[in-house]
Amino acid sequence: MKIHSVGGSRYGSRCAIQIGAKGINVPIEHLPVPFPEDFRRKNPVGLVPVLEVDGKFLPESQVICEFIEDLGDGPSLRPRDPFLLAEMRLLIRQYELYCDPALMLLYAPWRDQPGVPFAKALVEESRTQFRQGLSLLEQRLDGGKYAVGGTLSLADCALMPPLFQSTLLFPTLGLDLPFADMPLLDRYFQATATDPHVSLVLGQMEPPLREMFANLRCA
């Protein structure tokens, strides 16, 4: 069993935090970019991560995380309490529905026209939509170190990589941190970043992200 991903991927990093916290041996293989020609055999959508298990391929990071939890190896990253479990899933769902599409606004022009400066209006629209989504998360956090139940969960695995990515992306484009004025979310990010499993993965994300963002400009 292994995971195919790329360095700096916020989706692959979600799985990496989980694997580290569970103490299980699931290698993460970083693919070259552009991906090898046969990669779409593993995932027709052409996105990472993809979990390879006995010659079968499972895409989508949250599905991969749930599969790994269902295997039952290592400590669980899902709360036992049904309401806290629902809270965990709600935070993940709200991020995926209302925050991630805002970051994806920047990926199409980035991919299709590498090196061309982003239009300022597009960058501001992305940040505005991202903040609107983050405000929903702000309303659900209780001010503790972790998102749910006082311990590391799949919610933290899902939230921390993109929050970290945003702290590098938007300042590079000349904009303030998107959650600097959201005290619960900012406190959550600063506290959870000290978790050893989270800290390790964020540290691994930083060099490829800084390289990726080095030439980004806002027109």
N, C-alpha and C. Protein backbone atom coordinates (compact mmCIF):
# COMPACT_ATOMS: atom_id res chain seq x y z
N MET A 1 0.85 -1.19 0.00
CA MET A 1 0.00 0.00 0.00
C MET A 1 0.89 1.24 0.00
N LYS A 2 0.59 2.18 -0.92
CA LYS A 2 1.33 3.43 -0.97
C LYS A 2 0.45 4.52 -1.57
N ILE A 3 0.88 5.77 -1.35
CA ILE A 3 0.13 6.91 -1.85
C ILE A 3 0.97 7.63 -2.90
N HIS A 4 0.36 7.97 -4.02
CA HIS A 4 0.98 8.79 -5.05
C HIS A 4 0.55 10.24 -4.83
N SER A 5 1.49 11.15 -4.73
CA SER A 5 1.17 12.54 -4.48
C SER A 5 2.24 13.42 -5.12
N VAL A 6 2.25 14.71 -4.77
CA VAL A 6 3.31 15.62 -5.19
C VAL A 6 3.71 16.46 -3.97
N GLY A 7 4.94 16.94 -3.96
CA GLY A 7 5.42 17.75 -2.85
C GLY A 7 4.62 19.04 -2.71
N GLY A 8 4.21 19.34 -1.48
CA GLY A 8 3.46 20.56 -1.22
C GLY A 8 1.96 20.44 -1.38
N SER A 9 1.46 19.31 -1.88
CA SER A 9 0.02 19.15 -2.09
C SER A 9 -0.73 19.23 -0.77
N ARG A 10 -1.72 20.11 -0.71
CA ARG A 10 -2.52 20.21 0.52
C ARG A 10 -3.39 18.98 0.70
N TYR A 11 -3.70 18.30 -0.38
CA TYR A 11 -4.50 17.09 -0.28
C TYR A 11 -3.64 15.90 0.16
N GLY A 12 -2.48 15.74 -0.46
CA GLY A 12 -1.58 14.67 -0.05
C GLY A 12 -1.10 14.87 1.38
N SER A 13 -0.93 16.14 1.79
CA SER A 13 -0.47 16.43 3.14
C SER A 13 -1.51 16.06 4.18
N ARG A 14 -2.79 16.12 3.80
CA ARG A 14 -3.87 15.66 4.68
C ARG A 14 -3.62 14.20 5.06
N CYS A 15 -3.29 13.39 4.06
CA CYS A 15 -3.03 11.97 4.32
C CYS A 15 -1.73 11.79 5.11
N ALA A 16 -0.74 12.62 4.82
CA ALA A 16 0.56 12.49 5.49
C ALA A 16 0.44 12.74 6.99
N ILE A 17 -0.34 13.74 7.39
CA ILE A 17 -0.54 14.00 8.82
C ILE A 17 -1.20 12.79 9.48
N GLN A 18 -2.21 12.26 8.84
CA GLN A 18 -2.91 11.09 9.39
C GLN A 18 -1.98 9.90 9.55
N ILE A 19 -1.20 9.61 8.52
CA ILE A 19 -0.30 8.47 8.56
C ILE A 19 0.72 8.62 9.69
N GLY A 20 1.27 9.82 9.84
CA GLY A 20 2.23 10.05 10.91
C GLY A 20 1.61 9.91 12.28
N ALA A 21 0.41 10.44 12.45
CA ALA A 21 -0.26 10.38 13.75
C ALA A 21 -0.64 8.95 14.12
N LYS A 22 -0.95 8.15 13.13
CA LYS A 22 -1.33 6.76 13.39
C LYS A 22 -0.12 5.84 13.53
N GLY A 23 1.05 6.33 13.10
CA GLY A 23 2.26 5.53 13.21
C GLY A 23 2.26 4.31 12.33
N ILE A 24 1.67 4.43 11.15
CA ILE A 24 1.59 3.29 10.25
C ILE A 24 2.54 3.50 9.06
N ASN A 25 2.88 2.42 8.42
CA ASN A 25 3.84 2.46 7.32
C ASN A 25 3.09 2.48 5.99
N VAL A 26 2.85 3.68 5.49
CA VAL A 26 2.24 3.86 4.17
C VAL A 26 3.13 4.86 3.42
N PRO A 27 4.02 4.39 2.57
CA PRO A 27 4.92 5.30 1.86
C PRO A 27 4.16 6.28 0.97
N ILE A 28 4.67 7.50 0.87
CA ILE A 28 4.12 8.50 -0.04
C ILE A 28 5.13 8.76 -1.14
N GLU A 29 4.77 8.41 -2.35
CA GLU A 29 5.65 8.56 -3.52
C GLU A 29 5.31 9.87 -4.22
N HIS A 30 6.29 10.77 -4.31
CA HIS A 30 6.08 12.05 -4.98
C HIS A 30 6.34 11.91 -6.47
N LEU A 31 5.34 12.24 -7.25
CA LEU A 31 5.43 12.11 -8.70
C LEU A 31 6.08 13.34 -9.31
N PRO A 32 6.74 13.19 -10.46
CA PRO A 32 7.23 14.36 -11.19
C PRO A 32 6.07 15.11 -11.82
N VAL A 33 6.28 16.39 -12.07
CA VAL A 33 5.28 17.22 -12.73
C VAL A 33 5.87 17.73 -14.04
N PRO A 34 5.20 17.53 -15.18
CA PRO A 34 3.88 16.90 -15.34
C PRO A 34 3.91 15.41 -15.00
N PHE A 35 2.74 14.87 -14.68
CA PHE A 35 2.64 13.49 -14.25
C PHE A 35 3.00 12.53 -15.39
N PRO A 36 3.47 11.35 -15.05
CA PRO A 36 3.74 10.34 -16.08
C PRO A 36 2.49 10.04 -16.92
N GLU A 37 2.72 9.62 -18.15
CA GLU A 37 1.61 9.42 -19.08
C GLU A 37 0.60 8.39 -18.58
N ASP A 38 1.06 7.40 -17.79
CA ASP A 38 0.13 6.35 -17.35
C ASP A 38 -0.61 6.72 -16.07
N PHE A 39 -0.43 7.97 -15.57
CA PHE A 39 -1.06 8.29 -14.29
C PHE A 39 -2.58 8.27 -14.36
N ARG A 40 -3.15 8.66 -15.50
CA ARG A 40 -4.62 8.67 -15.61
C ARG A 40 -5.21 7.27 -15.54
N ARG A 41 -4.39 6.26 -15.67
CA ARG A 41 -4.88 4.90 -15.42
C ARG A 41 -5.17 4.72 -13.94
N LYS A 42 -4.42 5.45 -13.10
CA LYS A 42 -4.62 5.39 -11.66
C LYS A 42 -5.78 6.28 -11.22
N ASN A 43 -5.91 7.44 -11.86
CA ASN A 43 -7.02 8.35 -11.57
C ASN A 43 -7.37 9.10 -12.85
N PRO A 44 -8.48 8.75 -13.49
CA PRO A 44 -8.85 9.39 -14.76
C PRO A 44 -8.99 10.90 -14.66
N VAL A 45 -9.26 11.43 -13.45
CA VAL A 45 -9.38 12.87 -13.28
C VAL A 45 -8.01 13.55 -13.36
N GLY A 46 -6.96 12.77 -13.11
CA GLY A 46 -5.61 13.29 -13.21
C GLY A 46 -5.13 14.10 -12.03
N LEU A 47 -5.72 13.84 -10.84
CA LEU A 47 -5.36 14.57 -9.64
C LEU A 47 -4.77 13.63 -8.58
N VAL A 48 -3.97 14.21 -7.68
CA VAL A 48 -3.41 13.48 -6.55
C VAL A 48 -4.08 13.99 -5.27
N PRO A 49 -4.03 13.14 -4.21
CA PRO A 49 -3.34 11.86 -4.09
C PRO A 49 -4.19 10.70 -4.61
N VAL A 50 -3.50 9.59 -4.80
CA VAL A 50 -4.14 8.32 -5.14
C VAL A 50 -3.52 7.25 -4.27
N LEU A 51 -4.35 6.47 -3.62
CA LEU A 51 -3.88 5.35 -2.81
C LEU A 51 -3.85 4.10 -3.67
N GLU A 52 -2.72 3.42 -3.68
CA GLU A 52 -2.59 2.17 -4.41
C GLU A 52 -2.60 1.01 -3.41
N VAL A 53 -3.53 0.08 -3.60
CA VAL A 53 -3.68 -1.07 -2.71
C VAL A 53 -3.84 -2.32 -3.55
N ASP A 54 -2.83 -3.18 -3.53
CA ASP A 54 -2.91 -4.46 -4.24
C ASP A 54 -3.33 -4.29 -5.70
N GLY A 55 -2.72 -3.31 -6.37
CA GLY A 55 -3.01 -3.10 -7.78
C GLY A 55 -4.29 -2.34 -8.06
N LYS A 56 -5.00 -1.93 -7.01
CA LYS A 56 -6.21 -1.12 -7.17
C LYS A 56 -5.90 0.31 -6.75
N PHE A 57 -6.67 1.27 -7.28
CA PHE A 57 -6.36 2.68 -7.06
C PHE A 57 -7.57 3.41 -6.51
N LEU A 58 -7.34 4.16 -5.44
CA LEU A 58 -8.41 4.89 -4.76
C LEU A 58 -8.04 6.37 -4.72
N PRO A 59 -8.79 7.25 -5.44
CA PRO A 59 -8.50 8.69 -5.41
C PRO A 59 -9.29 9.39 -4.31
N GLU A 60 -9.10 10.71 -4.23
CA GLU A 60 -9.79 11.61 -3.31
C GLU A 60 -9.27 11.48 -1.89
N SER A 61 -8.65 12.54 -1.40
CA SER A 61 -7.92 12.49 -0.14
C SER A 61 -8.80 12.11 1.05
N GLN A 62 -10.01 12.66 1.13
CA GLN A 62 -10.84 12.33 2.29
C GLN A 62 -11.31 10.89 2.25
N VAL A 63 -11.58 10.38 1.05
CA VAL A 63 -11.94 8.96 0.92
C VAL A 63 -10.77 8.08 1.35
N ILE A 64 -9.56 8.48 0.96
CA ILE A 64 -8.36 7.74 1.37
C ILE A 64 -8.22 7.75 2.88
N CYS A 65 -8.41 8.93 3.50
CA CYS A 65 -8.29 9.02 4.96
C CYS A 65 -9.32 8.14 5.66
N GLU A 66 -10.55 8.13 5.16
CA GLU A 66 -11.58 7.29 5.78
C GLU A 66 -11.25 5.81 5.61
N PHE A 67 -10.72 5.45 4.45
CA PHE A 67 -10.32 4.06 4.22
C PHE A 67 -9.24 3.65 5.21
N ILE A 68 -8.24 4.52 5.39
CA ILE A 68 -7.15 4.21 6.32
C ILE A 68 -7.69 4.08 7.75
N GLU A 69 -8.64 4.93 8.12
CA GLU A 69 -9.26 4.79 9.45
C GLU A 69 -10.00 3.46 9.57
N ASP A 70 -10.70 3.08 8.52
CA ASP A 70 -11.49 1.84 8.56
C ASP A 70 -10.61 0.60 8.70
N LEU A 71 -9.34 0.71 8.30
CA LEU A 71 -8.45 -0.43 8.47
C LEU A 71 -8.22 -0.75 9.94
N GLY A 72 -8.35 0.26 10.81
CA GLY A 72 -8.25 0.04 12.24
C GLY A 72 -6.84 -0.01 12.80
N ASP A 73 -5.83 0.34 12.02
CA ASP A 73 -4.45 0.32 12.51
C ASP A 73 -4.11 1.65 13.19
N GLY A 74 -3.42 1.57 14.31
CA GLY A 74 -2.99 2.79 15.00
C GLY A 74 -4.15 3.48 15.70
N PRO A 75 -3.86 4.56 16.44
CA PRO A 75 -4.91 5.28 17.15
C PRO A 75 -5.92 5.90 16.18
N SER A 76 -7.18 5.91 16.59
CA SER A 76 -8.23 6.46 15.74
C SER A 76 -8.15 7.97 15.70
N LEU A 77 -8.38 8.54 14.54
CA LEU A 77 -8.47 9.99 14.38
C LEU A 77 -9.92 10.41 14.13
N ARG A 78 -10.86 9.57 14.56
CA ARG A 78 -12.27 9.90 14.50
C ARG A 78 -12.83 9.84 15.92
N PRO A 79 -13.52 10.89 16.37
CA PRO A 79 -14.10 10.86 17.72
C PRO A 79 -15.11 9.72 17.86
N ARG A 80 -15.19 9.16 19.06
CA ARG A 80 -16.17 8.11 19.31
C ARG A 80 -17.57 8.67 19.51
N ASP A 81 -17.64 9.85 20.13
CA ASP A 81 -18.94 10.47 20.37
C ASP A 81 -19.61 10.81 19.04
N PRO A 82 -20.84 10.35 18.80
CA PRO A 82 -21.48 10.57 17.50
C PRO A 82 -21.61 12.03 17.12
N PHE A 83 -21.90 12.90 18.11
CA PHE A 83 -22.05 14.32 17.76
C PHE A 83 -20.70 14.93 17.39
N LEU A 84 -19.65 14.59 18.14
CA LEU A 84 -18.32 15.11 17.80
C LEU A 84 -17.86 14.58 16.44
N LEU A 85 -18.21 13.33 16.15
CA LEU A 85 -17.88 12.76 14.85
C LEU A 85 -18.58 13.54 13.74
N ALA A 86 -19.85 13.90 13.98
CA ALA A 86 -20.58 14.70 13.00
C ALA A 86 -19.95 16.09 12.87
N GLU A 87 -19.52 16.68 14.00
CA GLU A 87 -18.85 17.98 13.96
C GLU A 87 -17.58 17.90 13.12
N MET A 88 -16.81 16.83 13.30
CA MET A 88 -15.60 16.64 12.52
C MET A 88 -15.91 16.63 11.02
N ARG A 89 -16.92 15.85 10.66
CA ARG A 89 -17.28 15.72 9.25
C ARG A 89 -17.85 17.02 8.71
N LEU A 90 -18.55 17.77 9.55
CA LEU A 90 -19.11 19.05 9.12
C LEU A 90 -18.00 20.04 8.81
N LEU A 91 -16.98 20.13 9.66
CA LEU A 91 -15.88 21.04 9.41
C LEU A 91 -15.17 20.71 8.09
N ILE A 92 -14.95 19.41 7.87
CA ILE A 92 -14.31 18.99 6.62
C ILE A 92 -15.18 19.36 5.42
N ARG A 93 -16.49 19.10 5.56
CA ARG A 93 -17.41 19.37 4.46
C ARG A 93 -17.51 20.86 4.18
N GLN A 94 -17.58 21.67 5.24
CA GLN A 94 -17.67 23.11 5.04
C GLN A 94 -16.40 23.65 4.37
N TYR A 95 -15.24 23.12 4.78
CA TYR A 95 -14.02 23.56 4.11
C TYR A 95 -14.08 23.21 2.62
N GLU A 96 -14.45 21.97 2.32
CA GLU A 96 -14.42 21.53 0.92
C GLU A 96 -15.43 22.29 0.06
N LEU A 97 -16.59 22.63 0.63
CA LEU A 97 -17.63 23.31 -0.15
C LEU A 97 -17.38 24.81 -0.29
N TYR A 98 -16.91 25.45 0.76
CA TYR A 98 -16.94 26.91 0.80
C TYR A 98 -15.56 27.58 0.82
N CYS A 99 -14.51 26.82 1.09
CA CYS A 99 -13.16 27.40 1.11
C CYS A 99 -12.32 26.96 -0.08
N ASP A 100 -12.26 25.67 -0.33
CA ASP A 100 -11.36 25.17 -1.35
C ASP A 100 -11.66 25.71 -2.75
N PRO A 101 -12.93 25.86 -3.13
CA PRO A 101 -13.18 26.42 -4.47
C PRO A 101 -12.56 27.81 -4.67
N ALA A 102 -12.43 28.56 -3.57
CA ALA A 102 -11.82 29.89 -3.69
C ALA A 102 -10.35 29.79 -4.06
N LEU A 103 -9.64 28.82 -3.48
CA LEU A 103 -8.24 28.61 -3.88
C LEU A 103 -8.15 28.10 -5.31
N MET A 104 -9.11 27.29 -5.70
CA MET A 104 -9.08 26.71 -7.04
C MET A 104 -9.29 27.77 -8.13
N LEU A 105 -9.86 28.93 -7.76
CA LEU A 105 -9.99 30.01 -8.74
C LEU A 105 -8.64 30.40 -9.34
N LEU A 106 -7.59 30.25 -8.54
CA LEU A 106 -6.25 30.66 -8.99
C LEU A 106 -5.53 29.57 -9.77
N TYR A 107 -6.02 28.33 -9.67
CA TYR A 107 -5.25 27.23 -10.25
C TYR A 107 -5.39 27.11 -11.76
N ALA A 108 -6.57 27.43 -12.29
CA ALA A 108 -6.73 27.31 -13.75
C ALA A 108 -5.81 28.27 -14.49
N PRO A 109 -5.80 29.59 -14.16
CA PRO A 109 -4.86 30.47 -14.88
C PRO A 109 -3.40 30.14 -14.57
N TRP A 110 -3.13 29.68 -13.37
CA TRP A 110 -1.77 29.31 -12.98
C TRP A 110 -1.28 28.15 -13.86
N ARG A 111 -2.18 27.18 -14.08
CA ARG A 111 -1.82 26.01 -14.88
C ARG A 111 -1.77 26.34 -16.37
N ASP A 112 -2.75 27.11 -16.84
CA ASP A 112 -2.87 27.36 -18.27
C ASP A 112 -1.91 28.43 -18.78
N GLN A 113 -1.55 29.37 -17.91
CA GLN A 113 -0.65 30.46 -18.32
C GLN A 113 0.45 30.66 -17.28
N PRO A 114 1.33 29.69 -17.14
CA PRO A 114 2.37 29.81 -16.12
C PRO A 114 3.26 31.02 -16.38
N GLY A 115 3.54 31.75 -15.30
CA GLY A 115 4.40 32.92 -15.41
C GLY A 115 3.67 34.21 -15.70
N VAL A 116 2.39 34.12 -16.11
CA VAL A 116 1.61 35.32 -16.37
C VAL A 116 1.04 35.83 -15.05
N PRO A 117 1.20 37.13 -14.73
CA PRO A 117 0.68 37.65 -13.46
C PRO A 117 -0.83 37.46 -13.34
N PHE A 118 -1.27 37.19 -12.10
CA PHE A 118 -2.70 37.08 -11.85
C PHE A 118 -3.35 38.47 -11.94
N ALA A 119 -4.57 38.49 -12.45
CA ALA A 119 -5.34 39.73 -12.41
C ALA A 119 -5.68 40.04 -10.96
N LYS A 120 -5.50 41.30 -10.58
CA LYS A 120 -5.75 41.69 -9.19
C LYS A 120 -7.18 41.37 -8.77
N ALA A 121 -8.14 41.57 -9.67
CA ALA A 121 -9.53 41.30 -9.34
C ALA A 121 -9.76 39.83 -9.03
N LEU A 122 -9.07 38.93 -9.76
CA LEU A 122 -9.21 37.50 -9.52
C LEU A 122 -8.64 37.12 -8.16
N VAL A 123 -7.49 37.69 -7.82
CA VAL A 123 -6.85 37.39 -6.55
C VAL A 123 -7.73 37.87 -5.39
N GLU A 124 -8.27 39.08 -5.53
CA GLU A 124 -9.13 39.61 -4.47
C GLU A 124 -10.42 38.81 -4.35
N GLU A 125 -10.96 38.36 -5.47
CA GLU A 125 -12.16 37.52 -5.43
C GLU A 125 -11.87 36.20 -4.72
N SER A 126 -10.71 35.61 -5.02
CA SER A 126 -10.32 34.36 -4.38
C SER A 126 -10.21 34.54 -2.87
N ARG A 127 -9.53 35.60 -2.45
CA ARG A 127 -9.34 35.84 -1.02
C ARG A 127 -10.68 36.12 -0.34
N THR A 128 -11.56 36.89 -0.98
CA THR A 128 -12.86 37.21 -0.40
C THR A 128 -13.69 35.95 -0.20
N GLN A 129 -13.74 35.10 -1.22
CA GLN A 129 -14.50 33.85 -1.10
C GLN A 129 -13.89 32.93 -0.06
N PHE A 130 -12.57 32.89 -0.01
CA PHE A 130 -11.89 32.06 0.98
C PHE A 130 -12.24 32.52 2.39
N ARG A 131 -12.23 33.83 2.61
CA ARG A 131 -12.57 34.38 3.92
C ARG A 131 -14.02 34.07 4.28
N GLN A 132 -14.91 34.13 3.33
CA GLN A 132 -16.31 33.82 3.60
C GLN A 132 -16.46 32.38 4.08
N GLY A 133 -15.72 31.47 3.44
CA GLY A 133 -15.75 30.08 3.88
C GLY A 133 -15.13 29.91 5.25
N LEU A 134 -13.99 30.59 5.47
CA LEU A 134 -13.32 30.48 6.76
C LEU A 134 -14.19 31.00 7.90
N SER A 135 -15.04 31.98 7.62
CA SER A 135 -15.91 32.52 8.67
C SER A 135 -16.87 31.46 9.19
N LEU A 136 -17.25 30.50 8.35
CA LEU A 136 -18.09 29.40 8.81
C LEU A 136 -17.33 28.50 9.78
N LEU A 137 -16.05 28.26 9.47
CA LEU A 137 -15.23 27.45 10.37
C LEU A 137 -15.02 28.18 11.69
N GLU A 138 -14.80 29.49 11.62
CA GLU A 138 -14.60 30.31 12.82
C GLU A 138 -15.77 30.15 13.79
N GLN A 139 -16.98 30.06 13.25
CA GLN A 139 -18.17 29.96 14.08
C GLN A 139 -18.31 28.61 14.78
N ARG A 140 -17.60 27.59 14.28
CA ARG A 140 -17.77 26.25 14.85
C ARG A 140 -16.63 25.87 15.80
N LEU A 141 -15.53 26.58 15.76
CA LEU A 141 -14.41 26.25 16.63
C LEU A 141 -14.69 26.70 18.06
N ASP A 142 -14.16 25.93 19.03
CA ASP A 142 -14.43 26.24 20.43
C ASP A 142 -13.26 26.92 21.13
N GLY A 143 -12.20 27.24 20.38
CA GLY A 143 -11.06 27.90 20.96
C GLY A 143 -9.99 26.98 21.50
N GLY A 144 -10.19 25.68 21.36
CA GLY A 144 -9.20 24.71 21.82
C GLY A 144 -8.08 24.52 20.82
N LYS A 145 -7.11 23.67 21.21
CA LYS A 145 -5.95 23.44 20.35
C LYS A 145 -6.34 22.72 19.08
N TYR A 146 -7.29 21.80 19.19
CA TYR A 146 -7.70 21.01 18.03
C TYR A 146 -9.13 21.36 17.63
N ALA A 147 -9.51 20.97 16.42
CA ALA A 147 -10.80 21.38 15.88
C ALA A 147 -11.97 20.74 16.62
N VAL A 148 -11.80 19.48 17.02
CA VAL A 148 -12.91 18.72 17.59
C VAL A 148 -12.40 17.84 18.73
N GLY A 149 -13.07 17.88 19.86
CA GLY A 149 -12.87 16.88 20.90
C GLY A 149 -11.56 16.93 21.66
N GLY A 150 -10.74 17.95 21.45
CA GLY A 150 -9.52 18.10 22.22
C GLY A 150 -8.36 17.22 21.79
N THR A 151 -8.50 16.49 20.70
CA THR A 151 -7.41 15.66 20.19
C THR A 151 -7.34 15.79 18.66
N LEU A 152 -6.19 15.41 18.12
CA LEU A 152 -6.01 15.46 16.66
C LEU A 152 -7.03 14.56 15.98
N SER A 153 -7.67 15.09 14.94
CA SER A 153 -8.67 14.31 14.20
C SER A 153 -8.50 14.55 12.71
N LEU A 154 -9.33 13.87 11.93
CA LEU A 154 -9.29 14.06 10.48
C LEU A 154 -9.64 15.49 10.09
N ALA A 155 -10.36 16.20 10.96
CA ALA A 155 -10.65 17.61 10.67
C ALA A 155 -9.36 18.41 10.63
N ASP A 156 -8.47 18.18 11.58
CA ASP A 156 -7.18 18.89 11.59
C ASP A 156 -6.34 18.51 10.38
N CYS A 157 -6.37 17.23 10.02
CA CYS A 157 -5.63 16.78 8.83
C CYS A 157 -6.10 17.52 7.59
N ALA A 158 -7.42 17.79 7.52
CA ALA A 158 -7.98 18.45 6.34
C ALA A 158 -7.77 19.95 6.36
N LEU A 159 -7.84 20.58 7.54
CA LEU A 159 -7.81 22.04 7.61
C LEU A 159 -6.42 22.63 7.62
N MET A 160 -5.49 22.01 8.31
CA MET A 160 -4.20 22.65 8.51
C MET A 160 -3.38 22.84 7.23
N PRO A 161 -3.29 21.86 6.31
CA PRO A 161 -2.49 22.11 5.10
C PRO A 161 -2.97 23.28 4.26
N PRO A 162 -4.28 23.43 3.98
CA PRO A 162 -4.68 24.59 3.18
C PRO A 162 -4.56 25.91 3.93
N LEU A 163 -4.79 25.90 5.25
CA LEU A 163 -4.58 27.12 6.01
C LEU A 163 -3.11 27.55 5.92
N PHE A 164 -2.22 26.57 6.07
CA PHE A 164 -0.79 26.87 5.95
C PHE A 164 -0.46 27.38 4.55
N GLN A 165 -1.01 26.73 3.54
CA GLN A 165 -0.75 27.17 2.17
C GLN A 165 -1.19 28.62 1.97
N SER A 166 -2.34 28.98 2.56
CA SER A 166 -2.83 30.34 2.39
C SER A 166 -1.92 31.37 3.04
N THR A 167 -1.21 30.97 4.12
CA THR A 167 -0.30 31.91 4.78
C THR A 167 0.93 32.21 3.93
N LEU A 168 1.21 31.37 2.95
CA LEU A 168 2.31 31.62 2.02
C LEU A 168 1.80 32.25 0.73
N LEU A 169 0.62 31.83 0.28
CA LEU A 169 0.12 32.25 -1.03
C LEU A 169 -0.30 33.71 -1.05
N PHE A 170 -1.20 34.11 -0.17
CA PHE A 170 -1.77 35.45 -0.27
C PHE A 170 -0.75 36.55 0.03
N PRO A 171 0.14 36.40 1.03
CA PRO A 171 1.18 37.43 1.20
C PRO A 171 2.09 37.56 -0.01
N THR A 172 2.36 36.43 -0.69
CA THR A 172 3.17 36.49 -1.91
C THR A 172 2.51 37.38 -2.96
N LEU A 173 1.17 37.38 -2.96
CA LEU A 173 0.41 38.17 -3.93
C LEU A 173 0.07 39.56 -3.39
N GLY A 174 0.67 39.93 -2.26
CA GLY A 174 0.51 41.28 -1.74
C GLY A 174 -0.71 41.49 -0.88
N LEU A 175 -1.33 40.41 -0.39
CA LEU A 175 -2.53 40.52 0.44
C LEU A 175 -2.26 40.01 1.85
N ASP A 176 -3.00 40.54 2.81
CA ASP A 176 -2.86 40.11 4.20
C ASP A 176 -3.31 38.67 4.37
N LEU A 177 -2.90 38.06 5.49
CA LEU A 177 -3.37 36.71 5.81
C LEU A 177 -4.89 36.71 5.87
N PRO A 178 -5.53 35.72 5.29
CA PRO A 178 -7.00 35.75 5.18
C PRO A 178 -7.73 35.57 6.51
N PHE A 179 -7.06 35.04 7.55
CA PHE A 179 -7.77 34.83 8.82
C PHE A 179 -7.12 35.56 9.98
N ALA A 180 -6.33 36.58 9.68
CA ALA A 180 -5.63 37.32 10.74
C ALA A 180 -6.59 37.99 11.71
N ASP A 181 -7.79 38.35 11.23
CA ASP A 181 -8.77 39.01 12.10
C ASP A 181 -9.86 38.06 12.57
N MET A 182 -9.61 36.75 12.49
CA MET A 182 -10.53 35.73 12.99
C MET A 182 -9.86 35.06 14.19
N PRO A 183 -10.10 35.55 15.40
CA PRO A 183 -9.30 35.13 16.55
C PRO A 183 -9.33 33.64 16.85
N LEU A 184 -10.50 33.02 16.75
CA LEU A 184 -10.57 31.59 17.05
C LEU A 184 -9.81 30.78 16.01
N LEU A 185 -9.97 31.14 14.75
CA LEU A 185 -9.29 30.40 13.69
C LEU A 185 -7.79 30.63 13.74
N ASP A 186 -7.38 31.87 14.00
CA ASP A 186 -5.95 32.16 14.10
C ASP A 186 -5.33 31.43 15.29
N ARG A 187 -6.03 31.44 16.43
CA ARG A 187 -5.53 30.73 17.61
C ARG A 187 -5.46 29.22 17.34
N TYR A 188 -6.48 28.71 16.68
CA TYR A 188 -6.48 27.28 16.32
C TYR A 188 -5.27 26.96 15.44
N PHE A 189 -5.04 27.76 14.41
CA PHE A 189 -3.94 27.49 13.49
C PHE A 189 -2.60 27.52 14.22
N GLN A 190 -2.37 28.54 15.02
CA GLN A 190 -1.10 28.67 15.73
C GLN A 190 -0.89 27.51 16.70
N ALA A 191 -1.95 27.09 17.39
CA ALA A 191 -1.82 26.01 18.37
C ALA A 191 -1.64 24.65 17.70
N THR A 192 -2.44 24.37 16.71
CA THR A 192 -2.38 23.05 16.07
C THR A 192 -1.10 22.87 15.29
N ALA A 193 -0.52 23.97 14.81
CA ALA A 193 0.75 23.89 14.09
C ALA A 193 1.88 23.39 14.97
N THR A 194 1.70 23.42 16.29
CA THR A 194 2.74 22.92 17.20
C THR A 194 2.63 21.41 17.43
N ASP A 195 1.52 20.80 17.00
CA ASP A 195 1.43 19.34 17.10
C ASP A 195 2.57 18.72 16.29
N PRO A 196 3.30 17.76 16.84
CA PRO A 196 4.49 17.27 16.12
C PRO A 196 4.19 16.66 14.76
N HIS A 197 3.06 15.99 14.64
CA HIS A 197 2.72 15.37 13.35
C HIS A 197 2.34 16.44 12.33
N VAL A 198 1.62 17.45 12.78
CA VAL A 198 1.25 18.55 11.90
C VAL A 198 2.47 19.38 11.52
N SER A 199 3.28 19.70 12.52
CA SER A 199 4.47 20.51 12.30
C SER A 199 5.41 19.87 11.29
N LEU A 200 5.58 18.56 11.39
CA LEU A 200 6.47 17.84 10.47
C LEU A 200 5.99 17.99 9.04
N VAL A 201 4.69 17.79 8.82
CA VAL A 201 4.17 17.82 7.45
C VAL A 201 4.17 19.24 6.91
N LEU A 202 3.82 20.23 7.73
CA LEU A 202 3.86 21.61 7.25
C LEU A 202 5.28 22.00 6.87
N GLY A 203 6.25 21.53 7.64
CA GLY A 203 7.65 21.79 7.29
C GLY A 203 8.05 21.16 5.97
N GLN A 204 7.47 20.00 5.67
CA GLN A 204 7.75 19.35 4.39
C GLN A 204 7.05 20.05 3.24
N MET A 205 5.91 20.66 3.52
CA MET A 205 5.18 21.39 2.48
C MET A 205 5.88 22.68 2.08
N GLU A 206 6.54 23.33 3.03
CA GLU A 206 7.01 24.70 2.82
C GLU A 206 7.99 24.86 1.66
N PRO A 207 9.07 24.04 1.55
CA PRO A 207 10.02 24.28 0.45
C PRO A 207 9.39 24.18 -0.94
N PRO A 208 8.62 23.11 -1.25
CA PRO A 208 8.03 23.08 -2.60
C PRO A 208 7.01 24.19 -2.83
N LEU A 209 6.28 24.59 -1.78
CA LEU A 209 5.33 25.68 -1.97
C LEU A 209 6.04 27.00 -2.23
N ARG A 210 7.11 27.27 -1.48
CA ARG A 210 7.85 28.52 -1.70
C ARG A 210 8.45 28.54 -3.10
N GLU A 211 8.92 27.40 -3.56
CA GLU A 211 9.46 27.34 -4.93
C GLU A 211 8.34 27.58 -5.94
N MET A 212 7.18 26.98 -5.67
CA MET A 212 6.04 27.11 -6.58
C MET A 212 5.55 28.56 -6.65
N PHE A 213 5.57 29.23 -5.48
CA PHE A 213 5.04 30.59 -5.42
C PHE A 213 6.07 31.66 -5.75
N ALA A 214 7.32 31.27 -5.95
CA ALA A 214 8.40 32.25 -6.09
C ALA A 214 8.16 33.26 -7.19
N ASN A 215 7.57 32.82 -8.28
CA ASN A 215 7.40 33.71 -9.44
C ASN A 215 5.97 34.23 -9.60
N LEU A 216 5.14 34.01 -8.59
CA LEU A 216 3.77 34.51 -8.67
C LEU A 216 3.75 36.01 -8.51
N ARG A 217 2.93 36.66 -9.31
CA ARG A 217 2.78 38.10 -9.23
C ARG A 217 1.32 38.47 -9.44
N CYS A 218 0.96 39.61 -8.92
CA CYS A 218 -0.39 40.14 -9.11
C CYS A 218 -0.29 41.37 -10.00
N ALA A 219 -0.99 41.36 -11.12
CA ALA A 219 -0.90 42.47 -12.09
C ALA A 219 -1.65 43.69 -11.59
